[in-house]
Amino acid sequence: MQKVLDDIGPLAGKALDSSLIDSYEVGGQDWTANFREEFQKRARLRPAAISGRHLPAASWTIRRSPSRFLWDMRRTIADLFAENYFGHFAELCRQHGLLNAVEPYTGPFESLQCGAPADVVMG
């Protein structure tokens, strides 16, 4: 998107007035360079309590579990998507005078949380 904005310059917000994040169809993205630090910062389960028994949950081989670790991992992923993908997109669109539209469903995140910063939420 930055390339398009650079190319159209002052026409951003005029000739091009909006941008869309289409439905998420990539699968379970669950790790970034700083995921460990983000997990430790956000998780209710203290890092010292994490052991090898949590690794199957981290690899998504456990789909349903009452595990606090699994809950914290999924919560961290959802929050990071909301902040760093959908939230960042909304911020960039506003900086360039664009409306932002999103289809925030079917991903490893919460639809309502990710749709909240959008100007137009689609389903």
PDB file of N, CA and C in Angstrom:
ATOM      1  N   MET A   1       0.819  -1.195   0.000  1.00  0.00           N
ATOM      2  CA  MET A   1       0.000   0.000   0.000  1.00  0.00           C
ATOM      3  C   MET A   1       0.861   1.256   0.000  1.00  0.00           C
ATOM      4  N   GLN A   2       1.988   1.209   0.696  1.00  0.00           N
ATOM      5  CA  GLN A   2       2.851   2.384   0.739  1.00  0.00           C
ATOM      6  C   GLN A   2       3.332   2.762  -0.651  1.00  0.00           C
ATOM      7  N   LYS A   3       3.627   1.777  -1.487  1.00  0.00           N
ATOM      8  CA  LYS A   3       4.067   2.035  -2.863  1.00  0.00           C
ATOM      9  C   LYS A   3       2.982   2.789  -3.631  1.00  0.00           C
ATOM     10  N   VAL A   4       1.732   2.359  -3.474  1.00  0.00           N
ATOM     11  CA  VAL A   4       0.618   3.040  -4.145  1.00  0.00           C
ATOM     12  C   VAL A   4       0.504   4.478  -3.645  1.00  0.00           C
ATOM     13  N   LEU A   5       0.579   4.667  -2.338  1.00  0.00           N
ATOM     14  CA  LEU A   5       0.486   6.013  -1.766  1.00  0.00           C
ATOM     15  C   LEU A   5       1.627   6.901  -2.243  1.00  0.00           C
ATOM     16  N   ASP A   6       2.819   6.345  -2.313  1.00  0.00           N
ATOM     17  CA  ASP A   6       3.956   7.115  -2.812  1.00  0.00           C
ATOM     18  C   ASP A   6       3.746   7.527  -4.264  1.00  0.00           C
ATOM     19  N   ASP A   7       3.203   6.618  -5.061  1.00  0.00           N
ATOM     20  CA  ASP A   7       2.996   6.897  -6.487  1.00  0.00           C
ATOM     21  C   ASP A   7       1.916   7.942  -6.749  1.00  0.00           C
ATOM     22  N   ILE A   8       0.848   7.931  -5.951  1.00  0.00           N
ATOM     23  CA  ILE A   8      -0.252   8.877  -6.223  1.00  0.00           C
ATOM     24  C   ILE A   8      -0.102  10.201  -5.491  1.00  0.00           C
ATOM     25  N   GLY A   9       0.803  10.238  -4.519  1.00  0.00           N
ATOM     26  CA  GLY A   9       1.110  11.488  -3.825  1.00  0.00           C
ATOM     27  C   GLY A   9      -0.121  12.206  -3.288  1.00  0.00           C
ATOM     28  N   PRO A  10      -0.347  13.463  -3.740  1.00  0.00           N
ATOM     29  CA  PRO A  10      -1.429  14.276  -3.199  1.00  0.00           C
ATOM     30  C   PRO A  10      -2.834  13.799  -3.597  1.00  0.00           C
ATOM     31  N   LEU A  11      -2.918  12.803  -4.453  1.00  0.00           N
ATOM     32  CA  LEU A  11      -4.233  12.271  -4.820  1.00  0.00           C
ATOM     33  C   LEU A  11      -4.773  11.283  -3.781  1.00  0.00           C
ATOM     34  N   ALA A  12      -3.930  10.904  -2.814  1.00  0.00           N
ATOM     35  CA  ALA A  12      -4.391  10.030  -1.731  1.00  0.00           C
ATOM     36  C   ALA A  12      -5.496  10.738  -0.973  1.00  0.00           C
ATOM     37  N   GLY A  13      -6.603  10.049  -0.782  1.00  0.00           N
ATOM     38  CA  GLY A  13      -7.758  10.640  -0.106  1.00  0.00           C
ATOM     39  C   GLY A  13      -8.695  11.343  -1.072  1.00  0.00           C
ATOM     40  N   LYS A  14      -8.282  11.458  -2.325  1.00  0.00           N
ATOM     41  CA  LYS A  14      -9.118  12.101  -3.345  1.00  0.00           C
ATOM     42  C   LYS A  14      -9.444  11.094  -4.441  1.00  0.00           C
ATOM     43  N   ALA A  15      -8.506  10.867  -5.362  1.00  0.00           N
ATOM     44  CA  ALA A  15      -8.733   9.878  -6.424  1.00  0.00           C
ATOM     45  C   ALA A  15      -8.828   8.475  -5.825  1.00  0.00           C
ATOM     46  N   LEU A  16      -8.032   8.225  -4.819  1.00  0.00           N
ATOM     47  CA  LEU A  16      -8.097   6.980  -4.052  1.00  0.00           C
ATOM     48  C   LEU A  16      -8.596   7.374  -2.675  1.00  0.00           C
ATOM     49  N   ASP A  17      -9.820   6.943  -2.330  1.00  0.00           N
ATOM     50  CA  ASP A  17     -10.403   7.418  -1.075  1.00  0.00           C
ATOM     51  C   ASP A  17     -10.546   6.358   0.009  1.00  0.00           C
ATOM     52  N   SER A  18     -10.195   5.102  -0.308  1.00  0.00           N
ATOM     53  CA  SER A  18     -10.320   4.057   0.706  1.00  0.00           C
ATOM     54  C   SER A  18      -9.435   2.874   0.350  1.00  0.00           C
ATOM     55  N   SER A  19      -9.251   2.012   1.341  1.00  0.00           N
ATOM     56  CA  SER A  19      -8.491   0.791   1.139  1.00  0.00           C
ATOM     57  C   SER A  19      -9.162  -0.323   1.943  1.00  0.00           C
ATOM     58  N   LEU A  20      -8.976  -1.556   1.505  1.00  0.00           N
ATOM     59  CA  LEU A  20      -9.680  -2.693   2.086  1.00  0.00           C
ATOM     60  C   LEU A  20      -8.723  -3.808   2.464  1.00  0.00           C
ATOM     61  N   ILE A  21      -8.892  -4.346   3.666  1.00  0.00           N
ATOM     62  CA  ILE A  21      -8.293  -5.628   4.027  1.00  0.00           C
ATOM     63  C   ILE A  21      -9.376  -6.660   3.786  1.00  0.00           C
ATOM     64  N   ASP A  22      -9.160  -7.505   2.805  1.00  0.00           N
ATOM     65  CA  ASP A  22     -10.113  -8.554   2.464  1.00  0.00           C
ATOM     66  C   ASP A  22     -10.071  -9.644   3.537  1.00  0.00           C
ATOM     67  N   SER A  23     -10.918 -10.634   3.408  1.00  0.00           N
ATOM     68  CA  SER A  23     -10.965 -11.699   4.407  1.00  0.00           C
ATOM     69  C   SER A  23      -9.595 -12.360   4.563  1.00  0.00           C
ATOM     70  N   TYR A  24      -9.335 -12.813   5.771  1.00  0.00           N
ATOM     71  CA  TYR A  24      -8.054 -13.406   6.119  1.00  0.00           C
ATOM     72  C   TYR A  24      -8.070 -14.875   5.744  1.00  0.00           C
ATOM     73  N   GLU A  25      -7.253 -15.265   4.788  1.00  0.00           N
ATOM     74  CA  GLU A  25      -7.249 -16.652   4.318  1.00  0.00           C
ATOM     75  C   GLU A  25      -5.841 -17.211   4.265  1.00  0.00           C
ATOM     76  N   VAL A  26      -5.063 -16.916   5.300  1.00  0.00           N
ATOM     77  CA  VAL A  26      -3.664 -17.315   5.328  1.00  0.00           C
ATOM     78  C   VAL A  26      -3.430 -18.512   6.244  1.00  0.00           C
ATOM     79  N   GLY A  27      -4.280 -18.712   7.217  1.00  0.00           N
ATOM     80  CA  GLY A  27      -4.070 -19.789   8.173  1.00  0.00           C
ATOM     81  C   GLY A  27      -3.539 -19.259   9.483  1.00  0.00           C
ATOM     82  N   GLY A  28      -3.030 -20.165  10.302  1.00  0.00           N
ATOM     83  CA  GLY A  28      -2.634 -19.828  11.661  1.00  0.00           C
ATOM     84  C   GLY A  28      -1.260 -19.206  11.786  1.00  0.00           C
ATOM     85  N   GLN A  29      -1.143 -17.948  11.499  1.00  0.00           N
ATOM     86  CA  GLN A  29       0.115 -17.234  11.741  1.00  0.00           C
ATOM     87  C   GLN A  29       0.240 -17.047  13.250  1.00  0.00           C
ATOM     88  N   ASP A  30       1.343 -17.470  13.806  1.00  0.00           N
ATOM     89  CA  ASP A  30       1.408 -17.436  15.258  1.00  0.00           C
ATOM     90  C   ASP A  30       2.789 -17.131  15.830  1.00  0.00           C
ATOM     91  N   TRP A  31       3.706 -16.607  15.032  1.00  0.00           N
ATOM     92  CA  TRP A  31       5.007 -16.328  15.610  1.00  0.00           C
ATOM     93  C   TRP A  31       5.653 -15.164  14.881  1.00  0.00           C
ATOM     94  N   THR A  32       6.241 -14.279  15.634  1.00  0.00           N
ATOM     95  CA  THR A  32       7.010 -13.175  15.082  1.00  0.00           C
ATOM     96  C   THR A  32       8.338 -13.126  15.829  1.00  0.00           C
ATOM     97  N   ALA A  33       9.226 -12.282  15.387  1.00  0.00           N
ATOM     98  CA  ALA A  33      10.542 -12.194  16.022  1.00  0.00           C
ATOM     99  C   ALA A  33      10.439 -11.853  17.509  1.00  0.00           C
ATOM    100  N   ASN A  34       9.437 -11.069  17.891  1.00  0.00           N
ATOM    101  CA  ASN A  34       9.324 -10.676  19.294  1.00  0.00           C
ATOM    102  C   ASN A  34       8.118 -11.303  19.996  1.00  0.00           C
ATOM    103  N   PHE A  35       7.624 -12.429  19.467  1.00  0.00           N
ATOM    104  CA  PHE A  35       6.440 -13.052  20.069  1.00  0.00           C
ATOM    105  C   PHE A  35       6.696 -13.479  21.504  1.00  0.00           C
ATOM    106  N   ARG A  36       7.853 -14.058  21.784  1.00  0.00           N
ATOM    107  CA  ARG A  36       8.152 -14.505  23.147  1.00  0.00           C
ATOM    108  C   ARG A  36       8.037 -13.351  24.142  1.00  0.00           C
ATOM    109  N   GLU A  37       8.606 -12.195  23.788  1.00  0.00           N
ATOM    110  CA  GLU A  37       8.549 -11.037  24.670  1.00  0.00           C
ATOM    111  C   GLU A  37       7.116 -10.536  24.831  1.00  0.00           C
ATOM    112  N   GLU A  38       6.366 -10.513  23.735  1.00  0.00           N
ATOM    113  CA  GLU A  38       4.969 -10.078  23.811  1.00  0.00           C
ATOM    114  C   GLU A  38       4.156 -11.033  24.671  1.00  0.00           C
ATOM    115  N   PHE A  39       4.385 -12.331  24.509  1.00  0.00           N
ATOM    116  CA  PHE A  39       3.674 -13.318  25.318  1.00  0.00           C
ATOM    117  C   PHE A  39       3.992 -13.121  26.794  1.00  0.00           C
ATOM    118  N   GLN A  40       5.258 -12.945  27.108  1.00  0.00           N
ATOM    119  CA  GLN A  40       5.653 -12.777  28.506  1.00  0.00           C
ATOM    120  C   GLN A  40       5.074 -11.501  29.099  1.00  0.00           C
ATOM    121  N   LYS A  41       4.947 -10.467  28.291  1.00  0.00           N
ATOM    122  CA  LYS A  41       4.395  -9.199  28.765  1.00  0.00           C
ATOM    123  C   LYS A  41       2.888  -9.297  29.016  1.00  0.00           C
ATOM    124  N   ARG A  42       2.176 -10.063  28.210  1.00  0.00           N
ATOM    125  CA  ARG A  42       0.718 -10.090  28.245  1.00  0.00           C
ATOM    126  C   ARG A  42       0.115 -11.274  28.994  1.00  0.00           C
ATOM    127  N   ALA A  43       0.838 -12.372  29.080  1.00  0.00           N
ATOM    128  CA  ALA A  43       0.265 -13.617  29.592  1.00  0.00           C
ATOM    129  C   ALA A  43      -0.013 -13.570  31.082  1.00  0.00           C
ATOM    130  N   ARG A  44      -1.098 -14.206  31.468  1.00  0.00           N
ATOM    131  CA  ARG A  44      -1.402 -14.352  32.893  1.00  0.00           C
ATOM    132  C   ARG A  44      -0.549 -15.457  33.495  1.00  0.00           C
ATOM    133  N   LEU A  45      -0.245 -16.460  32.681  1.00  0.00           N
ATOM    134  CA  LEU A  45       0.633 -17.539  33.117  1.00  0.00           C
ATOM    135  C   LEU A  45       2.052 -17.007  33.108  1.00  0.00           C
ATOM    136  N   ARG A  46       2.705 -17.041  34.212  1.00  0.00           N
ATOM    137  CA  ARG A  46       4.058 -16.499  34.306  1.00  0.00           C
ATOM    138  C   ARG A  46       5.033 -17.373  33.519  1.00  0.00           C
ATOM    139  N   PRO A  47       5.998 -16.775  32.854  1.00  0.00           N
ATOM    140  CA  PRO A  47       6.951 -17.530  32.046  1.00  0.00           C
ATOM    141  C   PRO A  47       7.638 -18.651  32.806  1.00  0.00           C
ATOM    142  N   ALA A  48       7.890 -18.470  34.075  1.00  0.00           N
ATOM    143  CA  ALA A  48       8.544 -19.516  34.864  1.00  0.00           C
ATOM    144  C   ALA A  48       7.688 -20.774  34.946  1.00  0.00           C
ATOM    145  N   ALA A  49       6.378 -20.629  34.768  1.00  0.00           N
ATOM    146  CA  ALA A  49       5.481 -21.780  34.859  1.00  0.00           C
ATOM    147  C   ALA A  49       5.385 -22.547  33.546  1.00  0.00           C
ATOM    148  N   ILE A  50       5.967 -22.029  32.485  1.00  0.00           N
ATOM    149  CA  ILE A  50       5.892 -22.677  31.176  1.00  0.00           C
ATOM    150  C   ILE A  50       6.925 -23.801  31.121  1.00  0.00           C
ATOM    151  N   SER A  51       6.473 -24.954  30.659  1.00  0.00           N
ATOM    152  CA  SER A  51       7.372 -26.106  30.576  1.00  0.00           C
ATOM    153  C   SER A  51       7.177 -26.811  29.235  1.00  0.00           C
ATOM    154  N   GLY A  52       7.908 -27.896  29.039  1.00  0.00           N
ATOM    155  CA  GLY A  52       7.821 -28.679  27.814  1.00  0.00           C
ATOM    156  C   GLY A  52       6.433 -29.223  27.544  1.00  0.00           C
ATOM    157  N   ARG A  53       5.630 -29.391  28.579  1.00  0.00           N
ATOM    158  CA  ARG A  53       4.274 -29.911  28.356  1.00  0.00           C
ATOM    159  C   ARG A  53       3.403 -28.925  27.589  1.00  0.00           C
ATOM    160  N   HIS A  54       3.840 -27.677  27.490  1.00  0.00           N
ATOM    161  CA  HIS A  54       3.072 -26.677  26.756  1.00  0.00           C
ATOM    162  C   HIS A  54       3.387 -26.665  25.266  1.00  0.00           C
ATOM    163  N   LEU A  55       4.450 -27.339  24.848  1.00  0.00           N
ATOM    164  CA  LEU A  55       4.861 -27.284  23.453  1.00  0.00           C
ATOM    165  C   LEU A  55       3.803 -27.792  22.467  1.00  0.00           C
ATOM    166  N   PRO A  56       3.058 -28.871  22.768  1.00  0.00           N
ATOM    167  CA  PRO A  56       2.008 -29.268  21.813  1.00  0.00           C
ATOM    168  C   PRO A  56       0.970 -28.165  21.588  1.00  0.00           C
ATOM    169  N   ALA A  57       0.655 -27.398  22.609  1.00  0.00           N
ATOM    170  CA  ALA A  57      -0.287 -26.293  22.442  1.00  0.00           C
ATOM    171  C   ALA A  57       0.316 -25.207  21.568  1.00  0.00           C
ATOM    172  N   ALA A  58       1.597 -24.945  21.746  1.00  0.00           N
ATOM    173  CA  ALA A  58       2.278 -23.932  20.945  1.00  0.00           C
ATOM    174  C   ALA A  58       2.332 -24.328  19.484  1.00  0.00           C
ATOM    175  N   SER A  59       2.341 -25.626  19.198  1.00  0.00           N
ATOM    176  CA  SER A  59       2.411 -26.087  17.815  1.00  0.00           C
ATOM    177  C   SER A  59       1.017 -26.264  17.209  1.00  0.00           C
ATOM    178  N   TRP A  60      -0.023 -25.917  17.934  1.00  0.00           N
ATOM    179  CA  TRP A  60      -1.426 -26.009  17.491  1.00  0.00           C
ATOM    180  C   TRP A  60      -1.892 -27.449  17.321  1.00  0.00           C
ATOM    181  N   THR A  61      -1.177 -28.427  17.916  1.00  0.00           N
ATOM    182  CA  THR A  61      -1.651 -29.801  17.822  1.00  0.00           C
ATOM    183  C   THR A  61      -2.770 -30.056  18.819  1.00  0.00           C
ATOM    184  N   ILE A  62      -2.910 -29.177  19.805  1.00  0.00           N
ATOM    185  CA  ILE A  62      -4.035 -29.255  20.740  1.00  0.00           C
ATOM    186  C   ILE A  62      -5.040 -28.208  20.306  1.00  0.00           C
ATOM    187  N   ARG A  63      -6.232 -28.622  19.969  1.00  0.00           N
ATOM    188  CA  ARG A  63      -7.253 -27.679  19.504  1.00  0.00           C
ATOM    189  C   ARG A  63      -8.151 -27.195  20.638  1.00  0.00           C
ATOM    190  N   ARG A  64      -8.395 -28.046  21.594  1.00  0.00           N
ATOM    191  CA  ARG A  64      -9.248 -27.654  22.716  1.00  0.00           C
ATOM    192  C   ARG A  64      -8.562 -28.079  24.003  1.00  0.00           C
ATOM    193  N   SER A  65      -8.412 -27.144  24.873  1.00  0.00           N
ATOM    194  CA  SER A  65      -7.734 -27.438  26.123  1.00  0.00           C
ATOM    195  C   SER A  65      -8.096 -26.382  27.148  1.00  0.00           C
ATOM    196  N   PRO A  66      -8.280 -26.768  28.380  1.00  0.00           N
ATOM    197  CA  PRO A  66      -8.513 -25.770  29.432  1.00  0.00           C
ATOM    198  C   PRO A  66      -7.217 -25.095  29.863  1.00  0.00           C
ATOM    199  N   SER A  67      -6.136 -25.421  29.197  1.00  0.00           N
ATOM    200  CA  SER A  67      -4.814 -24.939  29.578  1.00  0.00           C
ATOM    201  C   SER A  67      -4.742 -23.419  29.612  1.00  0.00           C
ATOM    202  N   ARG A  68      -4.233 -22.893  30.711  1.00  0.00           N
ATOM    203  CA  ARG A  68      -4.001 -21.449  30.827  1.00  0.00           C
ATOM    204  C   ARG A  68      -3.000 -20.993  29.765  1.00  0.00           C
ATOM    205  N   PHE A  69      -2.002 -21.837  29.486  1.00  0.00           N
ATOM    206  CA  PHE A  69      -1.012 -21.504  28.473  1.00  0.00           C
ATOM    207  C   PHE A  69      -1.661 -21.316  27.106  1.00  0.00           C
ATOM    208  N   LEU A  70      -2.520 -22.249  26.720  1.00  0.00           N
ATOM    209  CA  LEU A  70      -3.168 -22.163  25.414  1.00  0.00           C
ATOM    210  C   LEU A  70      -4.042 -20.911  25.333  1.00  0.00           C
ATOM    211  N   TRP A  71      -4.771 -20.618  26.409  1.00  0.00           N
ATOM    212  CA  TRP A  71      -5.588 -19.395  26.440  1.00  0.00           C
ATOM    213  C   TRP A  71      -4.704 -18.157  26.273  1.00  0.00           C
ATOM    214  N   ASP A  72      -3.626 -18.086  27.038  1.00  0.00           N
ATOM    215  CA  ASP A  72      -2.730 -16.932  26.960  1.00  0.00           C
ATOM    216  C   ASP A  72      -2.093 -16.804  25.582  1.00  0.00           C
ATOM    217  N   MET A  73      -1.737 -17.916  24.973  1.00  0.00           N
ATOM    218  CA  MET A  73      -1.134 -17.872  23.648  1.00  0.00           C
ATOM    219  C   MET A  73      -2.131 -17.328  22.619  1.00  0.00           C
ATOM    220  N   ARG A  74      -3.346 -17.854  22.637  1.00  0.00           N
ATOM    221  CA  ARG A  74      -4.365 -17.391  21.687  1.00  0.00           C
ATOM    222  C   ARG A  74      -4.741 -15.935  21.941  1.00  0.00           C
ATOM    223  N   ARG A  75      -4.810 -15.531  23.203  1.00  0.00           N
ATOM    224  CA  ARG A  75      -5.137 -14.147  23.541  1.00  0.00           C
ATOM    225  C   ARG A  75      -4.035 -13.204  23.027  1.00  0.00           C
ATOM    226  N   THR A  76      -2.787 -13.610  23.206  1.00  0.00           N
ATOM    227  CA  THR A  76      -1.666 -12.796  22.729  1.00  0.00           C
ATOM    228  C   THR A  76      -1.711 -12.647  21.213  1.00  0.00           C
ATOM    229  N   ILE A  77      -1.943 -13.739  20.515  1.00  0.00           N
ATOM    230  CA  ILE A  77      -2.031 -13.696  19.046  1.00  0.00           C
ATOM    231  C   ILE A  77      -3.161 -12.773  18.615  1.00  0.00           C
ATOM    232  N   ALA A  78      -4.328 -12.904  19.229  1.00  0.00           N
ATOM    233  CA  ALA A  78      -5.476 -12.060  18.876  1.00  0.00           C
ATOM    234  C   ALA A  78      -5.168 -10.582  19.116  1.00  0.00           C
ATOM    235  N   ASP A  79      -4.564 -10.281  20.245  1.00  0.00           N
ATOM    236  CA  ASP A  79      -4.235  -8.886  20.551  1.00  0.00           C
ATOM    237  C   ASP A  79      -3.208  -8.318  19.584  1.00  0.00           C
ATOM    238  N   LEU A  80      -2.220  -9.125  19.213  1.00  0.00           N
ATOM    239  CA  LEU A  80      -1.196  -8.650  18.284  1.00  0.00           C
ATOM    240  C   LEU A  80      -1.785  -8.396  16.893  1.00  0.00           C
ATOM    241  N   PHE A  81      -2.697  -9.252  16.451  1.00  0.00           N
ATOM    242  CA  PHE A  81      -3.374  -9.004  15.175  1.00  0.00           C
ATOM    243  C   PHE A  81      -4.172  -7.707  15.241  1.00  0.00           C
ATOM    244  N   ALA A  82      -4.902  -7.527  16.323  1.00  0.00           N
ATOM    245  CA  ALA A  82      -5.735  -6.323  16.463  1.00  0.00           C
ATOM    246  C   ALA A  82      -4.888  -5.060  16.452  1.00  0.00           C
ATOM    247  N   GLU A  83      -3.771  -5.089  17.136  1.00  0.00           N
ATOM    248  CA  GLU A  83      -2.917  -3.903  17.240  1.00  0.00           C
ATOM    249  C   GLU A  83      -2.033  -3.694  16.006  1.00  0.00           C
ATOM    250  N   ASN A  84      -1.329  -4.746  15.599  1.00  0.00           N
ATOM    251  CA  ASN A  84      -0.269  -4.599  14.614  1.00  0.00           C
ATOM    252  C   ASN A  84      -0.693  -4.805  13.175  1.00  0.00           C
ATOM    253  N   TYR A  85      -1.856  -5.367  12.950  1.00  0.00           N
ATOM    254  CA  TYR A  85      -2.342  -5.567  11.582  1.00  0.00           C
ATOM    255  C   TYR A  85      -3.522  -4.642  11.327  1.00  0.00           C
ATOM    256  N   PHE A  86      -4.637  -4.914  11.958  1.00  0.00           N
ATOM    257  CA  PHE A  86      -5.838  -4.111  11.727  1.00  0.00           C
ATOM    258  C   PHE A  86      -5.703  -2.691  12.269  1.00  0.00           C
ATOM    259  N   GLY A  87      -5.165  -2.554  13.473  1.00  0.00           N
ATOM    260  CA  GLY A  87      -5.002  -1.230  14.063  1.00  0.00           C
ATOM    261  C   GLY A  87      -3.998  -0.377  13.311  1.00  0.00           C
ATOM    262  N   HIS A  88      -2.887  -0.976  12.926  1.00  0.00           N
ATOM    263  CA  HIS A  88      -1.868  -0.248  12.176  1.00  0.00           C
ATOM    264  C   HIS A  88      -2.407   0.175  10.806  1.00  0.00           C
ATOM    265  N   PHE A  89      -3.148  -0.703  10.161  1.00  0.00           N
ATOM    266  CA  PHE A  89      -3.774  -0.388   8.872  1.00  0.00           C
ATOM    267  C   PHE A  89      -4.706   0.815   9.003  1.00  0.00           C
ATOM    268  N   ALA A  90      -5.546   0.810  10.032  1.00  0.00           N
ATOM    269  CA  ALA A  90      -6.471   1.934  10.252  1.00  0.00           C
ATOM    270  C   ALA A  90      -5.707   3.235  10.471  1.00  0.00           C
ATOM    271  N   GLU A  91      -4.642   3.168  11.240  1.00  0.00           N
ATOM    272  CA  GLU A  91      -3.825   4.359  11.512  1.00  0.00           C
ATOM    273  C   GLU A  91      -3.192   4.900  10.220  1.00  0.00           C
ATOM    274  N   LEU A  92      -2.638   4.018   9.414  1.00  0.00           N
ATOM    275  CA  LEU A  92      -2.017   4.453   8.155  1.00  0.00           C
ATOM    276  C   LEU A  92      -3.046   5.056   7.203  1.00  0.00           C
ATOM    277  N   CYS A  93      -4.211   4.437   7.120  1.00  0.00           N
ATOM    278  CA  CYS A  93      -5.263   4.988   6.261  1.00  0.00           C
ATOM    279  C   CYS A  93      -5.644   6.394   6.710  1.00  0.00           C
ATOM    280  N   ARG A  94      -5.834   6.584   8.000  1.00  0.00           N
ATOM    281  CA  ARG A  94      -6.208   7.915   8.510  1.00  0.00           C
ATOM    282  C   ARG A  94      -5.122   8.947   8.230  1.00  0.00           C
ATOM    283  N   GLN A  95      -3.865   8.555   8.362  1.00  0.00           N
ATOM    284  CA  GLN A  95      -2.756   9.474   8.094  1.00  0.00           C
ATOM    285  C   GLN A  95      -2.772   9.971   6.649  1.00  0.00           C
ATOM    286  N   HIS A  96      -3.321   9.170   5.744  1.00  0.00           N
ATOM    287  CA  HIS A  96      -3.336   9.523   4.325  1.00  0.00           C
ATOM    288  C   HIS A  96      -4.726   9.938   3.834  1.00  0.00           C
ATOM    289  N   GLY A  97      -5.650  10.178   4.764  1.00  0.00           N
ATOM    290  CA  GLY A  97      -6.977  10.633   4.394  1.00  0.00           C
ATOM    291  C   GLY A  97      -7.846   9.589   3.724  1.00  0.00           C
ATOM    292  N   LEU A  98      -7.581   8.320   4.006  1.00  0.00           N
ATOM    293  CA  LEU A  98      -8.344   7.234   3.400  1.00  0.00           C
ATOM    294  C   LEU A  98      -9.299   6.616   4.410  1.00  0.00           C
ATOM    295  N   LEU A  99     -10.443   6.196   3.942  1.00  0.00           N
ATOM    296  CA  LEU A  99     -11.313   5.353   4.755  1.00  0.00           C
ATOM    297  C   LEU A  99     -10.722   3.955   4.730  1.00  0.00           C
ATOM    298  N   ASN A 100     -10.888   3.237   5.837  1.00  0.00           N
ATOM    299  CA  ASN A 100     -10.410   1.857   5.839  1.00  0.00           C
ATOM    300  C   ASN A 100     -11.573   0.908   6.046  1.00  0.00           C
ATOM    301  N   ALA A 101     -11.607  -0.091   5.203  1.00  0.00           N
ATOM    302  CA  ALA A 101     -12.637  -1.122   5.269  1.00  0.00           C
ATOM    303  C   ALA A 101     -11.944  -2.448   5.548  1.00  0.00           C
ATOM    304  N   VAL A 102     -12.578  -3.283   6.358  1.00  0.00           N
ATOM    305  CA  VAL A 102     -11.985  -4.579   6.690  1.00  0.00           C
ATOM    306  C   VAL A 102     -13.052  -5.660   6.701  1.00  0.00           C
ATOM    307  N   GLU A 103     -12.596  -6.865   6.424  1.00  0.00           N
ATOM    308  CA  GLU A 103     -13.406  -8.071   6.597  1.00  0.00           C
ATOM    309  C   GLU A 103     -12.706  -8.907   7.668  1.00  0.00           C
ATOM    310  N   PRO A 104     -12.969  -8.622   8.934  1.00  0.00           N
ATOM    311  CA  PRO A 104     -12.197  -9.251  10.014  1.00  0.00           C
ATOM    312  C   PRO A 104     -12.800 -10.563  10.512  1.00  0.00           C
ATOM    313  N   TYR A 105     -12.708 -11.586   9.698  1.00  0.00           N
ATOM    314  CA  TYR A 105     -13.250 -12.873  10.134  1.00  0.00           C
ATOM    315  C   TYR A 105     -12.365 -14.017   9.654  1.00  0.00           C
ATOM    316  N   THR A 106     -12.557 -15.167  10.269  1.00  0.00           N
ATOM    317  CA  THR A 106     -11.879 -16.410   9.932  1.00  0.00           C
ATOM    318  C   THR A 106     -10.363 -16.294  10.018  1.00  0.00           C
ATOM    319  N   GLY A 107      -9.896 -15.860  11.147  1.00  0.00           N
ATOM    320  CA  GLY A 107      -8.460 -15.808  11.376  1.00  0.00           C
ATOM    321  C   GLY A 107      -8.164 -16.149  12.818  1.00  0.00           C
ATOM    322  N   PRO A 108      -6.914 -16.141  13.197  1.00  0.00           N
ATOM    323  CA  PRO A 108      -6.551 -16.417  14.588  1.00  0.00           C
ATOM    324  C   PRO A 108      -6.675 -15.158  15.444  1.00  0.00           C
ATOM    325  N   PHE A 109      -7.823 -14.503  15.345  1.00  0.00           N
ATOM    326  CA  PHE A 109      -8.060 -13.240  16.044  1.00  0.00           C
ATOM    327  C   PHE A 109      -9.541 -13.122  16.360  1.00  0.00           C
ATOM    328  N   GLU A 110      -9.913 -12.059  17.060  1.00  0.00           N
ATOM    329  CA  GLU A 110     -11.321 -11.814  17.384  1.00  0.00           C
ATOM    330  C   GLU A 110     -11.892 -10.799  16.398  1.00  0.00           C
ATOM    331  N   SER A 111     -12.959 -11.178  15.733  1.00  0.00           N
ATOM    332  CA  SER A 111     -13.554 -10.336  14.691  1.00  0.00           C
ATOM    333  C   SER A 111     -13.960  -8.965  15.212  1.00  0.00           C
ATOM    334  N   LEU A 112     -14.635  -8.900  16.341  1.00  0.00           N
ATOM    335  CA  LEU A 112     -15.100  -7.611  16.863  1.00  0.00           C
ATOM    336  C   LEU A 112     -13.936  -6.722  17.259  1.00  0.00           C
ATOM    337  N   GLN A 113     -12.942  -7.284  17.886  1.00  0.00           N
ATOM    338  CA  GLN A 113     -11.775  -6.524  18.309  1.00  0.00           C
ATOM    339  C   GLN A 113     -11.045  -5.960  17.091  1.00  0.00           C
ATOM    340  N   CYS A 114     -10.910  -6.743  16.044  1.00  0.00           N
ATOM    341  CA  CYS A 114     -10.168  -6.298  14.857  1.00  0.00           C
ATOM    342  C   CYS A 114     -10.980  -5.359  13.975  1.00  0.00           C
ATOM    343  N   GLY A 115     -12.294  -5.455  14.016  1.00  0.00           N
ATOM    344  CA  GLY A 115     -13.124  -4.555  13.233  1.00  0.00           C
ATOM    345  C   GLY A 115     -13.337  -3.203  13.885  1.00  0.00           C
ATOM    346  N   ALA A 116     -13.068  -3.101  15.176  1.00  0.00           N
ATOM    347  CA  ALA A 116     -13.360  -1.885  15.929  1.00  0.00           C
ATOM    348  C   ALA A 116     -12.721  -0.607  15.367  1.00  0.00           C
ATOM    349  N   PRO A 117     -11.459  -0.619  14.944  1.00  0.00           N
ATOM    350  CA  PRO A 117     -10.872   0.634  14.467  1.00  0.00           C
ATOM    351  C   PRO A 117     -11.242   0.998  13.019  1.00  0.00           C
ATOM    352  N   ALA A 118     -11.977   0.131  12.336  1.00  0.00           N
ATOM    353  CA  ALA A 118     -12.286   0.346  10.920  1.00  0.00           C
ATOM    354  C   ALA A 118     -13.393   1.388  10.724  1.00  0.00           C
ATOM    355  N   ASP A 119     -13.353   2.037   9.574  1.00  0.00           N
ATOM    356  CA  ASP A 119     -14.446   2.923   9.187  1.00  0.00           C
ATOM    357  C   ASP A 119     -15.615   2.114   8.633  1.00  0.00           C
ATOM    358  N   VAL A 120     -15.307   1.050   7.921  1.00  0.00           N
ATOM    359  CA  VAL A 120     -16.335   0.171   7.336  1.00  0.00           C
ATOM    360  C   VAL A 120     -15.971  -1.270   7.667  1.00  0.00           C
ATOM    361  N   VAL A 121     -16.882  -1.978   8.337  1.00  0.00           N
ATOM    362  CA  VAL A 121     -16.670  -3.384   8.645  1.00  0.00           C
ATOM    363  C   VAL A 121     -17.575  -4.199   7.731  1.00  0.00           C
ATOM    364  N   MET A 122     -16.991  -5.150   7.060  1.00  0.00           N
ATOM    365  CA  MET A 122     -17.746  -5.963   6.101  1.00  0.00           C
ATOM    366  C   MET A 122     -17.710  -7.417   6.539  1.00  0.00           C
ATOM    367  N   GLY A 123     -18.678  -8.192   6.088  1.00  0.00           N
ATOM    368  CA  GLY A 123     -18.717  -9.600   6.443  1.00  0.00           C
ATOM    369  C   GLY A 123     -19.003 -10.462   5.259  1.00  0.00           C
TER     370      GLY A 123
END
